[in-house]
Every structure is written in C-alpha cells, then in structure tokens.
Amino acid sequence: MVSQAVEQIWTIERLEGLDDNGARYELLRGKLIEVPGPEYQHWYIIGRLLRLLGNFVDVHKLGAVGTNGAFMLRRNPDTLLIPDVAYVQANRTPPNDADWDIYIGAPVCV
C-alpha cells in the first residue's frame, strides 16, 4: 500500500497518477483505501451475479451491468468507489465508450 505517514487528502487526479503496482484503490472522502482482491467464494458469487443480472438486463434492454467500474460520487473531498457489481439504467448510460473511464454519479450497487 502507499505510505501515508501524514494523513493526506487524495484526489481522483492524484490517484490516477499513482504507479501501477497491481493494487486496487478507492477514495472515500479524500482518504486512499486499498481494496483487497476477492477470495474464491466472493469471486464465484460475483461471477454468478454478473451472469444472471447481466442476462436479465440485456434481454430487457434495461441498461448496463459490469464489474470494477469507477464511479465518482462526490468532489472536494473526492469519493471514487469501484463496486463488485454495478447496474446503470439505460437512460443514465454514457453516450459513448470514452465516457466510461470514470462514471459521474452512483450506480445501483449489488
């Protein structure tokens, strides 16, 4: 994890500038949080949820379902969360792929 001898306020821009060391981070009110990788049962359940929920959403054209997407919930101090499974309603999906880097707003999280 990144050393935090002195409590610092992190921003999304600063987080994006971190060297990729294989760790995954979120921001909660400006605090940097390392997110551990899932253990087997967690990973298995997430996979099943993605498949079942994703199929239902696709068949009914309700929006998008995905995993590990970055969602900016607030600024100053920044909150950027990466839920295991998220659903975004069709009327709230970005108009093109470039807008998916960081989604502005909250998804429906599972």
PDB file of N, CA and C in Angstrom:
ATOM      1  N   MET A   1       0.839  -1.179   0.000  1.00  0.00           N
ATOM      2  CA  MET A   1       0.000   0.000   0.000  1.00  0.00           C
ATOM      3  C   MET A   1       0.884   1.242   0.000  1.00  0.00           C
ATOM      4  N   VAL A   2       0.324   2.343  -0.459  1.00  0.00           N
ATOM      5  CA  VAL A   2       1.033   3.609  -0.496  1.00  0.00           C
ATOM      6  C   VAL A   2       1.210   4.107   0.942  1.00  0.00           C
ATOM      7  N   SER A   3       2.395   4.541   1.279  1.00  0.00           N
ATOM      8  CA  SER A   3       2.685   5.033   2.626  1.00  0.00           C
ATOM      9  C   SER A   3       1.946   6.340   2.880  1.00  0.00           C
ATOM     10  N   GLN A   4       1.340   6.442   4.047  1.00  0.00           N
ATOM     11  CA  GLN A   4       0.617   7.655   4.423  1.00  0.00           C
ATOM     12  C   GLN A   4       1.055   8.082   5.818  1.00  0.00           C
ATOM     13  N   ALA A   5       2.318   8.484   5.974  1.00  0.00           N
ATOM     14  CA  ALA A   5       2.821   8.911   7.275  1.00  0.00           C
ATOM     15  C   ALA A   5       2.006  10.093   7.787  1.00  0.00           C
ATOM     16  N   VAL A   6       1.715  11.028   6.921  1.00  0.00           N
ATOM     17  CA  VAL A   6       0.884  12.177   7.255  1.00  0.00           C
ATOM     18  C   VAL A   6      -0.421  12.010   6.480  1.00  0.00           C
ATOM     19  N   GLU A   7      -1.531  12.125   7.188  1.00  0.00           N
ATOM     20  CA  GLU A   7      -2.837  11.969   6.536  1.00  0.00           C
ATOM     21  C   GLU A   7      -2.981  13.024   5.443  1.00  0.00           C
ATOM     22  N   GLN A   8      -3.163  12.579   4.226  1.00  0.00           N
ATOM     23  CA  GLN A   8      -3.271  13.468   3.081  1.00  0.00           C
ATOM     24  C   GLN A   8      -4.649  13.354   2.464  1.00  0.00           C
ATOM     25  N   ILE A   9      -5.090  14.420   1.876  1.00  0.00           N
ATOM     26  CA  ILE A   9      -6.339  14.396   1.124  1.00  0.00           C
ATOM     27  C   ILE A   9      -5.995  13.981  -0.297  1.00  0.00           C
ATOM     28  N   TRP A  10      -6.564  12.893  -0.727  1.00  0.00           N
ATOM     29  CA  TRP A  10      -6.326  12.373  -2.072  1.00  0.00           C
ATOM     30  C   TRP A  10      -7.416  12.867  -3.015  1.00  0.00           C
ATOM     31  N   THR A  11      -7.037  13.090  -4.254  1.00  0.00           N
ATOM     32  CA  THR A  11      -7.985  13.464  -5.300  1.00  0.00           C
ATOM     33  C   THR A  11      -7.974  12.361  -6.361  1.00  0.00           C
ATOM     34  N   ILE A  12      -8.963  12.378  -7.202  1.00  0.00           N
ATOM     35  CA  ILE A  12      -9.024  11.415  -8.300  1.00  0.00           C
ATOM     36  C   ILE A  12      -7.814  11.600  -9.210  1.00  0.00           C
ATOM     37  N   GLU A  13      -7.439  12.836  -9.471  1.00  0.00           N
ATOM     38  CA  GLU A  13      -6.301  13.098 -10.344  1.00  0.00           C
ATOM     39  C   GLU A  13      -5.011  12.544  -9.740  1.00  0.00           C
ATOM     40  N   ARG A  14      -4.844  12.708  -8.465  1.00  0.00           N
ATOM     41  CA  ARG A  14      -3.650  12.182  -7.797  1.00  0.00           C
ATOM     42  C   ARG A  14      -3.652  10.651  -7.813  1.00  0.00           C
ATOM     43  N   LEU A  15      -4.805  10.053  -7.599  1.00  0.00           N
ATOM     44  CA  LEU A  15      -4.931   8.597  -7.653  1.00  0.00           C
ATOM     45  C   LEU A  15      -4.565   8.080  -9.044  1.00  0.00           C
ATOM     46  N   GLU A  16      -5.025   8.760 -10.076  1.00  0.00           N
ATOM     47  CA  GLU A  16      -4.713   8.348 -11.450  1.00  0.00           C
ATOM     48  C   GLU A  16      -3.220   8.422 -11.740  1.00  0.00           C
ATOM     49  N   GLY A  17      -2.495   9.279 -11.019  1.00  0.00           N
ATOM     50  CA  GLY A  17      -1.062   9.436 -11.221  1.00  0.00           C
ATOM     51  C   GLY A  17      -0.205   8.417 -10.490  1.00  0.00           C
ATOM     52  N   LEU A  18      -0.814   7.563  -9.667  1.00  0.00           N
ATOM     53  CA  LEU A  18      -0.050   6.548  -8.938  1.00  0.00           C
ATOM     54  C   LEU A  18       0.554   5.535  -9.897  1.00  0.00           C
ATOM     55  N   ASP A  19       1.749   5.073  -9.577  1.00  0.00           N
ATOM     56  CA  ASP A  19       2.346   3.987 -10.351  1.00  0.00           C
ATOM     57  C   ASP A  19       1.497   2.735 -10.161  1.00  0.00           C
ATOM     58  N   ASP A  20       1.313   1.984 -11.233  1.00  0.00           N
ATOM     59  CA  ASP A  20       0.528   0.755 -11.169  1.00  0.00           C
ATOM     60  C   ASP A  20       1.368  -0.342 -10.516  1.00  0.00           C
ATOM     61  N   ASN A  21       1.042  -0.645  -9.264  1.00  0.00           N
ATOM     62  CA  ASN A  21       1.747  -1.704  -8.544  1.00  0.00           C
ATOM     63  C   ASN A  21       0.891  -2.964  -8.412  1.00  0.00           C
ATOM     64  N   GLY A  22      -0.215  -3.006  -9.156  1.00  0.00           N
ATOM     65  CA  GLY A  22      -1.096  -4.161  -9.123  1.00  0.00           C
ATOM     66  C   GLY A  22      -2.190  -4.063  -8.076  1.00  0.00           C
ATOM     67  N   ALA A  23      -2.097  -3.101  -7.176  1.00  0.00           N
ATOM     68  CA  ALA A  23      -3.119  -2.924  -6.148  1.00  0.00           C
ATOM     69  C   ALA A  23      -4.280  -2.102  -6.713  1.00  0.00           C
ATOM     70  N   ARG A  24      -5.432  -2.261  -6.093  1.00  0.00           N
ATOM     71  CA  ARG A  24      -6.621  -1.507  -6.489  1.00  0.00           C
ATOM     72  C   ARG A  24      -6.989  -0.578  -5.340  1.00  0.00           C
ATOM     73  N   TYR A  25      -7.289   0.667  -5.665  1.00  0.00           N
ATOM     74  CA  TYR A  25      -7.595   1.660  -4.644  1.00  0.00           C
ATOM     75  C   TYR A  25      -8.929   2.327  -4.915  1.00  0.00           C
ATOM     76  N   GLU A  26      -9.562   2.765  -3.834  1.00  0.00           N
ATOM     77  CA  GLU A  26     -10.746   3.606  -3.894  1.00  0.00           C
ATOM     78  C   GLU A  26     -10.467   4.842  -3.050  1.00  0.00           C
ATOM     79  N   LEU A  27     -11.288   5.856  -3.234  1.00  0.00           N
ATOM     80  CA  LEU A  27     -11.207   7.052  -2.402  1.00  0.00           C
ATOM     81  C   LEU A  27     -12.514   7.198  -1.640  1.00  0.00           C
ATOM     82  N   LEU A  28     -12.412   7.452  -0.354  1.00  0.00           N
ATOM     83  CA  LEU A  28     -13.586   7.694   0.465  1.00  0.00           C
ATOM     84  C   LEU A  28     -13.373   9.007   1.208  1.00  0.00           C
ATOM     85  N   ARG A  29     -14.084  10.050   0.754  1.00  0.00           N
ATOM     86  CA  ARG A  29     -13.937  11.395   1.315  1.00  0.00           C
ATOM     87  C   ARG A  29     -12.474  11.814   1.405  1.00  0.00           C
ATOM     88  N   GLY A  30     -11.739  11.587   0.312  1.00  0.00           N
ATOM     89  CA  GLY A  30     -10.351  12.005   0.213  1.00  0.00           C
ATOM     90  C   GLY A  30      -9.347  11.062   0.851  1.00  0.00           C
ATOM     91  N   LYS A  31      -9.794   9.974   1.416  1.00  0.00           N
ATOM     92  CA  LYS A  31      -8.895   9.001   2.041  1.00  0.00           C
ATOM     93  C   LYS A  31      -8.646   7.845   1.078  1.00  0.00           C
ATOM     94  N   LEU A  32      -7.373   7.505   0.878  1.00  0.00           N
ATOM     95  CA  LEU A  32      -6.989   6.417  -0.015  1.00  0.00           C
ATOM     96  C   LEU A  32      -7.177   5.082   0.703  1.00  0.00           C
ATOM     97  N   ILE A  33      -7.905   4.175   0.061  1.00  0.00           N
ATOM     98  CA  ILE A  33      -8.190   2.863   0.645  1.00  0.00           C
ATOM     99  C   ILE A  33      -7.773   1.789  -0.347  1.00  0.00           C
ATOM    100  N   GLU A  34      -6.931   0.860   0.091  1.00  0.00           N
ATOM    101  CA  GLU A  34      -6.569  -0.269  -0.760  1.00  0.00           C
ATOM    102  C   GLU A  34      -7.667  -1.314  -0.664  1.00  0.00           C
ATOM    103  N   VAL A  35      -8.117  -1.781  -1.818  1.00  0.00           N
ATOM    104  CA  VAL A  35      -9.189  -2.763  -1.884  1.00  0.00           C
ATOM    105  C   VAL A  35      -8.566  -4.128  -2.165  1.00  0.00           C
ATOM    106  N   PRO A  36      -8.753  -5.083  -1.262  1.00  0.00           N
ATOM    107  CA  PRO A  36      -8.156  -6.401  -1.485  1.00  0.00           C
ATOM    108  C   PRO A  36      -8.842  -7.151  -2.617  1.00  0.00           C
ATOM    109  N   GLY A  37      -8.118  -8.057  -3.224  1.00  0.00           N
ATOM    110  CA  GLY A  37      -8.709  -8.916  -4.250  1.00  0.00           C
ATOM    111  C   GLY A  37      -9.663  -9.907  -3.604  1.00  0.00           C
ATOM    112  N   PRO A  38     -10.627 -10.391  -4.355  1.00  0.00           N
ATOM    113  CA  PRO A  38     -11.610 -11.305  -3.784  1.00  0.00           C
ATOM    114  C   PRO A  38     -11.044 -12.705  -3.546  1.00  0.00           C
ATOM    115  N   GLU A  39     -11.534 -13.347  -2.507  1.00  0.00           N
ATOM    116  CA  GLU A  39     -11.228 -14.757  -2.289  1.00  0.00           C
ATOM    117  C   GLU A  39     -12.179 -15.571  -3.155  1.00  0.00           C
ATOM    118  N   TYR A  40     -11.960 -16.874  -3.213  1.00  0.00           N
ATOM    119  CA  TYR A  40     -12.682 -17.725  -4.164  1.00  0.00           C
ATOM    120  C   TYR A  40     -14.194 -17.592  -4.064  1.00  0.00           C
ATOM    121  N   GLN A  41     -14.784 -17.731  -2.877  1.00  0.00           N
ATOM    122  CA  GLN A  41     -16.239 -17.700  -2.771  1.00  0.00           C
ATOM    123  C   GLN A  41     -16.794 -16.349  -3.212  1.00  0.00           C
ATOM    124  N   HIS A  42     -16.138 -15.286  -2.831  1.00  0.00           N
ATOM    125  CA  HIS A  42     -16.548 -13.940  -3.241  1.00  0.00           C
ATOM    126  C   HIS A  42     -16.497 -13.827  -4.770  1.00  0.00           C
ATOM    127  N   TRP A  43     -15.375 -14.251  -5.339  1.00  0.00           N
ATOM    128  CA  TRP A  43     -15.189 -14.221  -6.788  1.00  0.00           C
ATOM    129  C   TRP A  43     -16.280 -15.021  -7.491  1.00  0.00           C
ATOM    130  N   TYR A  44     -16.603 -16.200  -6.972  1.00  0.00           N
ATOM    131  CA  TYR A  44     -17.614 -17.074  -7.570  1.00  0.00           C
ATOM    132  C   TYR A  44     -19.000 -16.414  -7.536  1.00  0.00           C
ATOM    133  N   ILE A  45     -19.352 -15.841  -6.394  1.00  0.00           N
ATOM    134  CA  ILE A  45     -20.661 -15.197  -6.263  1.00  0.00           C
ATOM    135  C   ILE A  45     -20.772 -13.997  -7.192  1.00  0.00           C
ATOM    136  N   ILE A  46     -19.714 -13.200  -7.282  1.00  0.00           N
ATOM    137  CA  ILE A  46     -19.714 -12.040  -8.184  1.00  0.00           C
ATOM    138  C   ILE A  46     -19.914 -12.500  -9.629  1.00  0.00           C
ATOM    139  N   GLY A  47     -19.239 -13.567 -10.021  1.00  0.00           N
ATOM    140  CA  GLY A  47     -19.390 -14.105 -11.371  1.00  0.00           C
ATOM    141  C   GLY A  47     -20.813 -14.524 -11.668  1.00  0.00           C
ATOM    142  N   ARG A  48     -21.437 -15.196 -10.718  1.00  0.00           N
ATOM    143  CA  ARG A  48     -22.838 -15.635 -10.904  1.00  0.00           C
ATOM    144  C   ARG A  48     -23.778 -14.429 -10.985  1.00  0.00           C
ATOM    145  N   LEU A  49     -23.571 -13.449 -10.095  1.00  0.00           N
ATOM    146  CA  LEU A  49     -24.414 -12.247 -10.133  1.00  0.00           C
ATOM    147  C   LEU A  49     -24.285 -11.518 -11.461  1.00  0.00           C
ATOM    148  N   LEU A  50     -23.051 -11.381 -11.927  1.00  0.00           N
ATOM    149  CA  LEU A  50     -22.839 -10.708 -13.212  1.00  0.00           C
ATOM    150  C   LEU A  50     -23.569 -11.420 -14.340  1.00  0.00           C
ATOM    151  N   ARG A  51     -23.458 -12.739 -14.366  1.00  0.00           N
ATOM    152  CA  ARG A  51     -24.094 -13.503 -15.441  1.00  0.00           C
ATOM    153  C   ARG A  51     -25.615 -13.411 -15.360  1.00  0.00           C
ATOM    154  N   LEU A  52     -26.180 -13.657 -14.182  1.00  0.00           N
ATOM    155  CA  LEU A  52     -27.637 -13.670 -14.044  1.00  0.00           C
ATOM    156  C   LEU A  52     -28.244 -12.279 -14.222  1.00  0.00           C
ATOM    157  N   LEU A  53     -27.691 -11.310 -13.518  1.00  0.00           N
ATOM    158  CA  LEU A  53     -28.204  -9.948 -13.617  1.00  0.00           C
ATOM    159  C   LEU A  53     -27.946  -9.370 -15.010  1.00  0.00           C
ATOM    160  N   GLY A  54     -26.748  -9.615 -15.534  1.00  0.00           N
ATOM    161  CA  GLY A  54     -26.407  -9.114 -16.865  1.00  0.00           C
ATOM    162  C   GLY A  54     -27.319  -9.671 -17.946  1.00  0.00           C
ATOM    163  N   ASN A  55     -27.598 -10.965 -17.899  1.00  0.00           N
ATOM    164  CA  ASN A  55     -28.500 -11.569 -18.886  1.00  0.00           C
ATOM    165  C   ASN A  55     -29.891 -10.957 -18.812  1.00  0.00           C
ATOM    166  N   PHE A  56     -30.419 -10.779 -17.600  1.00  0.00           N
ATOM    167  CA  PHE A  56     -31.747 -10.202 -17.423  1.00  0.00           C
ATOM    168  C   PHE A  56     -31.791  -8.775 -17.970  1.00  0.00           C
ATOM    169  N   VAL A  57     -30.789  -7.981 -17.618  1.00  0.00           N
ATOM    170  CA  VAL A  57     -30.734  -6.582 -18.061  1.00  0.00           C
ATOM    171  C   VAL A  57     -30.605  -6.510 -19.581  1.00  0.00           C
ATOM    172  N   ASP A  58     -29.786  -7.382 -20.174  1.00  0.00           N
ATOM    173  CA  ASP A  58     -29.629  -7.389 -21.634  1.00  0.00           C
ATOM    174  C   ASP A  58     -30.919  -7.774 -22.340  1.00  0.00           C
ATOM    175  N   VAL A  59     -31.566  -8.839 -21.890  1.00  0.00           N
ATOM    176  CA  VAL A  59     -32.799  -9.312 -22.535  1.00  0.00           C
ATOM    177  C   VAL A  59     -33.869  -8.224 -22.520  1.00  0.00           C
ATOM    178  N   HIS A  60     -33.954  -7.492 -21.418  1.00  0.00           N
ATOM    179  CA  HIS A  60     -34.999  -6.480 -21.270  1.00  0.00           C
ATOM    180  C   HIS A  60     -34.530  -5.066 -21.632  1.00  0.00           C
ATOM    181  N   LYS A  61     -33.282  -4.965 -22.127  1.00  0.00           N
ATOM    182  CA  LYS A  61     -32.727  -3.683 -22.565  1.00  0.00           C
ATOM    183  C   LYS A  61     -32.883  -2.599 -21.485  1.00  0.00           C
ATOM    184  N   LEU A  62     -32.450  -2.959 -20.264  1.00  0.00           N
ATOM    185  CA  LEU A  62     -32.625  -2.075 -19.117  1.00  0.00           C
ATOM    186  C   LEU A  62     -31.431  -1.169 -18.842  1.00  0.00           C
ATOM    187  N   GLY A  63     -30.279  -1.478 -19.443  1.00  0.00           N
ATOM    188  CA  GLY A  63     -29.096  -0.670 -19.174  1.00  0.00           C
ATOM    189  C   GLY A  63     -27.836  -1.502 -19.278  1.00  0.00           C
ATOM    190  N   ALA A  64     -26.924  -1.295 -18.334  1.00  0.00           N
ATOM    191  CA  ALA A  64     -25.629  -1.979 -18.366  1.00  0.00           C
ATOM    192  C   ALA A  64     -25.293  -2.538 -16.987  1.00  0.00           C
ATOM    193  N   VAL A  65     -24.663  -3.713 -16.986  1.00  0.00           N
ATOM    194  CA  VAL A  65     -24.180  -4.355 -15.760  1.00  0.00           C
ATOM    195  C   VAL A  65     -22.700  -4.627 -15.961  1.00  0.00           C
ATOM    196  N   GLY A  66     -21.913  -4.350 -14.930  1.00  0.00           N
ATOM    197  CA  GLY A  66     -20.486  -4.605 -15.041  1.00  0.00           C
ATOM    198  C   GLY A  66     -19.827  -4.724 -13.686  1.00  0.00           C
ATOM    199  N   THR A  67     -18.522  -4.925 -13.730  1.00  0.00           N
ATOM    200  CA  THR A  67     -17.725  -5.056 -12.520  1.00  0.00           C
ATOM    201  C   THR A  67     -16.493  -4.160 -12.623  1.00  0.00           C
ATOM    202  N   ASN A  68     -15.996  -3.742 -11.473  1.00  0.00           N
ATOM    203  CA  ASN A  68     -14.759  -2.969 -11.372  1.00  0.00           C
ATOM    204  C   ASN A  68     -14.795  -1.633 -12.108  1.00  0.00           C
ATOM    205  N   GLY A  69     -15.958  -1.058 -12.285  1.00  0.00           N
ATOM    206  CA  GLY A  69     -16.057   0.268 -12.878  1.00  0.00           C
ATOM    207  C   GLY A  69     -15.846   1.328 -11.810  1.00  0.00           C
ATOM    208  N   ALA A  70     -15.256   2.444 -12.186  1.00  0.00           N
ATOM    209  CA  ALA A  70     -15.008   3.542 -11.254  1.00  0.00           C
ATOM    210  C   ALA A  70     -16.180   4.520 -11.293  1.00  0.00           C
ATOM    211  N   PHE A  71     -16.723   4.824 -10.118  1.00  0.00           N
ATOM    212  CA  PHE A  71     -17.865   5.728 -10.000  1.00  0.00           C
ATOM    213  C   PHE A  71     -17.504   6.882  -9.065  1.00  0.00           C
ATOM    214  N   MET A  72     -17.535   8.104  -9.607  1.00  0.00           N
ATOM    215  CA  MET A  72     -17.266   9.280  -8.793  1.00  0.00           C
ATOM    216  C   MET A  72     -18.574   9.728  -8.150  1.00  0.00           C
ATOM    217  N   LEU A  73     -18.598   9.688  -6.831  1.00  0.00           N
ATOM    218  CA  LEU A  73     -19.812  10.042  -6.113  1.00  0.00           C
ATOM    219  C   LEU A  73     -19.805  11.466  -5.586  1.00  0.00           C
ATOM    220  N   ARG A  74     -18.609  12.013  -5.366  1.00  0.00           N
ATOM    221  CA  ARG A  74     -18.529  13.396  -4.896  1.00  0.00           C
ATOM    222  C   ARG A  74     -17.135  13.952  -5.129  1.00  0.00           C
ATOM    223  N   ARG A  75     -17.037  15.285  -5.038  1.00  0.00           N
ATOM    224  CA  ARG A  75     -15.764  16.002  -5.153  1.00  0.00           C
ATOM    225  C   ARG A  75     -15.560  16.835  -3.893  1.00  0.00           C
ATOM    226  N   ASN A  76     -14.314  17.104  -3.599  1.00  0.00           N
ATOM    227  CA  ASN A  76     -13.909  18.023  -2.524  1.00  0.00           C
ATOM    228  C   ASN A  76     -14.523  17.717  -1.164  1.00  0.00           C
ATOM    229  N   PRO A  77     -14.127  16.681  -0.494  1.00  0.00           N
ATOM    230  CA  PRO A  77     -13.122  15.704  -0.871  1.00  0.00           C
ATOM    231  C   PRO A  77     -13.723  14.635  -1.778  1.00  0.00           C
ATOM    232  N   ASP A  78     -12.853  14.046  -2.581  1.00  0.00           N
ATOM    233  CA  ASP A  78     -13.299  13.099  -3.604  1.00  0.00           C
ATOM    234  C   ASP A  78     -13.685  11.740  -3.013  1.00  0.00           C
ATOM    235  N   THR A  79     -14.747  11.183  -3.581  1.00  0.00           N
ATOM    236  CA  THR A  79     -15.134   9.798  -3.301  1.00  0.00           C
ATOM    237  C   THR A  79     -15.260   9.093  -4.638  1.00  0.00           C
ATOM    238  N   LEU A  80     -14.454   8.058  -4.817  1.00  0.00           N
ATOM    239  CA  LEU A  80     -14.440   7.254  -6.039  1.00  0.00           C
ATOM    240  C   LEU A  80     -14.493   5.795  -5.600  1.00  0.00           C
ATOM    241  N   LEU A  81     -15.577   5.124  -5.912  1.00  0.00           N
ATOM    242  CA  LEU A  81     -15.758   3.739  -5.499  1.00  0.00           C
ATOM    243  C   LEU A  81     -15.781   2.816  -6.702  1.00  0.00           C
ATOM    244  N   ILE A  82     -15.366   1.568  -6.471  1.00  0.00           N
ATOM    245  CA  ILE A  82     -15.324   0.546  -7.515  1.00  0.00           C
ATOM    246  C   ILE A  82     -16.093  -0.667  -7.007  1.00  0.00           C
ATOM    247  N   PRO A  83     -17.419  -0.690  -7.212  1.00  0.00           N
ATOM    248  CA  PRO A  83     -18.211  -1.802  -6.688  1.00  0.00           C
ATOM    249  C   PRO A  83     -17.943  -3.105  -7.430  1.00  0.00           C
ATOM    250  N   ASP A  84     -18.180  -4.215  -6.734  1.00  0.00           N
ATOM    251  CA  ASP A  84     -18.004  -5.537  -7.332  1.00  0.00           C
ATOM    252  C   ASP A  84     -18.963  -5.747  -8.495  1.00  0.00           C
ATOM    253  N   VAL A  85     -20.194  -5.318  -8.325  1.00  0.00           N
ATOM    254  CA  VAL A  85     -21.215  -5.418  -9.373  1.00  0.00           C
ATOM    255  C   VAL A  85     -22.005  -4.124  -9.354  1.00  0.00           C
ATOM    256  N   ALA A  86     -22.217  -3.557 -10.523  1.00  0.00           N
ATOM    257  CA  ALA A  86     -22.989  -2.320 -10.607  1.00  0.00           C
ATOM    258  C   ALA A  86     -23.932  -2.376 -11.802  1.00  0.00           C
ATOM    259  N   TYR A  87     -25.054  -1.732 -11.650  1.00  0.00           N
ATOM    260  CA  TYR A  87     -26.062  -1.623 -12.707  1.00  0.00           C
ATOM    261  C   TYR A  87     -26.320  -0.147 -12.960  1.00  0.00           C
ATOM    262  N   VAL A  88     -26.290   0.245 -14.215  1.00  0.00           N
ATOM    263  CA  VAL A  88     -26.613   1.619 -14.619  1.00  0.00           C
ATOM    264  C   VAL A  88     -27.813   1.545 -15.554  1.00  0.00           C
ATOM    265  N   GLN A  89     -28.873   2.275 -15.210  1.00  0.00           N
ATOM    266  CA  GLN A  89     -30.082   2.279 -16.024  1.00  0.00           C
ATOM    267  C   GLN A  89     -29.786   2.802 -17.424  1.00  0.00           C
ATOM    268  N   ALA A  90     -30.535   2.315 -18.398  1.00  0.00           N
ATOM    269  CA  ALA A  90     -30.326   2.686 -19.801  1.00  0.00           C
ATOM    270  C   ALA A  90     -30.349   4.203 -19.998  1.00  0.00           C
ATOM    271  N   ASN A  91     -31.239   4.889 -19.325  1.00  0.00           N
ATOM    272  CA  ASN A  91     -31.332   6.346 -19.512  1.00  0.00           C
ATOM    273  C   ASN A  91     -30.199   7.103 -18.809  1.00  0.00           C
ATOM    274  N   ARG A  92     -29.327   6.379 -18.081  1.00  0.00           N
ATOM    275  CA  ARG A  92     -28.189   7.012 -17.399  1.00  0.00           C
ATOM    276  C   ARG A  92     -26.849   6.535 -17.953  1.00  0.00           C
ATOM    277  N   THR A  93     -26.862   5.708 -19.007  1.00  0.00           N
ATOM    278  CA  THR A  93     -25.596   5.242 -19.569  1.00  0.00           C
ATOM    279  C   THR A  93     -24.975   6.345 -20.413  1.00  0.00           C
ATOM    280  N   PRO A  94     -23.648   6.467 -20.363  1.00  0.00           N
ATOM    281  CA  PRO A  94     -22.966   7.490 -21.164  1.00  0.00           C
ATOM    282  C   PRO A  94     -23.208   7.278 -22.660  1.00  0.00           C
ATOM    283  N   PRO A  95     -23.188   8.363 -23.433  1.00  0.00           N
ATOM    284  CA  PRO A  95     -23.488   8.259 -24.856  1.00  0.00           C
ATOM    285  C   PRO A  95     -22.424   7.545 -25.678  1.00  0.00           C
ATOM    286  N   ASN A  96     -21.179   7.480 -25.198  1.00  0.00           N
ATOM    287  CA  ASN A  96     -20.161   6.758 -25.961  1.00  0.00           C
ATOM    288  C   ASN A  96     -19.152   6.125 -25.006  1.00  0.00           C
ATOM    289  N   ASP A  97     -18.328   5.229 -25.539  1.00  0.00           N
ATOM    290  CA  ASP A  97     -17.397   4.460 -24.719  1.00  0.00           C
ATOM    291  C   ASP A  97     -16.396   5.315 -23.952  1.00  0.00           C
ATOM    292  N   ALA A  98     -15.997   6.463 -24.494  1.00  0.00           N
ATOM    293  CA  ALA A  98     -14.992   7.302 -23.845  1.00  0.00           C
ATOM    294  C   ALA A  98     -15.471   7.818 -22.494  1.00  0.00           C
ATOM    295  N   ASP A  99     -16.766   7.963 -22.323  1.00  0.00           N
ATOM    296  CA  ASP A  99     -17.323   8.498 -21.088  1.00  0.00           C
ATOM    297  C   ASP A  99     -17.380   7.474 -19.956  1.00  0.00           C
ATOM    298  N   TRP A 100     -16.904   6.259 -20.188  1.00  0.00           N
ATOM    299  CA  TRP A 100     -16.968   5.207 -19.172  1.00  0.00           C
ATOM    300  C   TRP A 100     -15.717   5.144 -18.298  1.00  0.00           C
ATOM    301  N   ASP A 101     -14.682   5.959 -18.560  1.00  0.00           N
ATOM    302  CA  ASP A 101     -13.466   5.880 -17.744  1.00  0.00           C
ATOM    303  C   ASP A 101     -13.789   6.051 -16.268  1.00  0.00           C
ATOM    304  N   ILE A 102     -14.445   7.114 -15.928  1.00  0.00           N
ATOM    305  CA  ILE A 102     -14.966   7.323 -14.581  1.00  0.00           C
ATOM    306  C   ILE A 102     -16.401   7.805 -14.756  1.00  0.00           C
ATOM    307  N   TYR A 103     -17.325   7.024 -14.249  1.00  0.00           N
ATOM    308  CA  TYR A 103     -18.742   7.369 -14.358  1.00  0.00           C
ATOM    309  C   TYR A 103     -19.049   8.422 -13.286  1.00  0.00           C
ATOM    310  N   ILE A 104     -19.690   9.488 -13.669  1.00  0.00           N
ATOM    311  CA  ILE A 104     -20.047  10.528 -12.720  1.00  0.00           C
ATOM    312  C   ILE A 104     -21.452  10.235 -12.212  1.00  0.00           C
ATOM    313  N   GLY A 105     -21.529   9.888 -10.958  1.00  0.00           N
ATOM    314  CA  GLY A 105     -22.796   9.541 -10.337  1.00  0.00           C
ATOM    315  C   GLY A 105     -22.750   8.137  -9.778  1.00  0.00           C
ATOM    316  N   ALA A 106     -23.821   7.777  -9.131  1.00  0.00           N
ATOM    317  CA  ALA A 106     -23.886   6.477  -8.466  1.00  0.00           C
ATOM    318  C   ALA A 106     -24.600   5.446  -9.329  1.00  0.00           C
ATOM    319  N   PRO A 107     -24.082   4.225  -9.333  1.00  0.00           N
ATOM    320  CA  PRO A 107     -24.815   3.137  -9.964  1.00  0.00           C
ATOM    321  C   PRO A 107     -25.760   2.542  -8.930  1.00  0.00           C
ATOM    322  N   VAL A 108     -26.500   1.559  -9.341  1.00  0.00           N
ATOM    323  CA  VAL A 108     -27.197   0.720  -8.379  1.00  0.00           C
ATOM    324  C   VAL A 108     -26.188  -0.378  -8.068  1.00  0.00           C
ATOM    325  N   CYS A 109     -25.721  -0.479  -6.829  1.00  0.00           N
ATOM    326  CA  CYS A 109     -24.702  -1.458  -6.450  1.00  0.00           C
ATOM    327  C   CYS A 109     -25.339  -2.695  -5.849  1.00  0.00           C
ATOM    328  N   VAL A 110     -24.723  -3.833  -6.123  1.00  0.00           N
ATOM    329  CA  VAL A 110     -25.170  -5.102  -5.557  1.00  0.00           C
ATOM    330  C   VAL A 110     -24.167  -5.520  -4.518  1.00  0.00           C
TER     331      VAL A 110
END
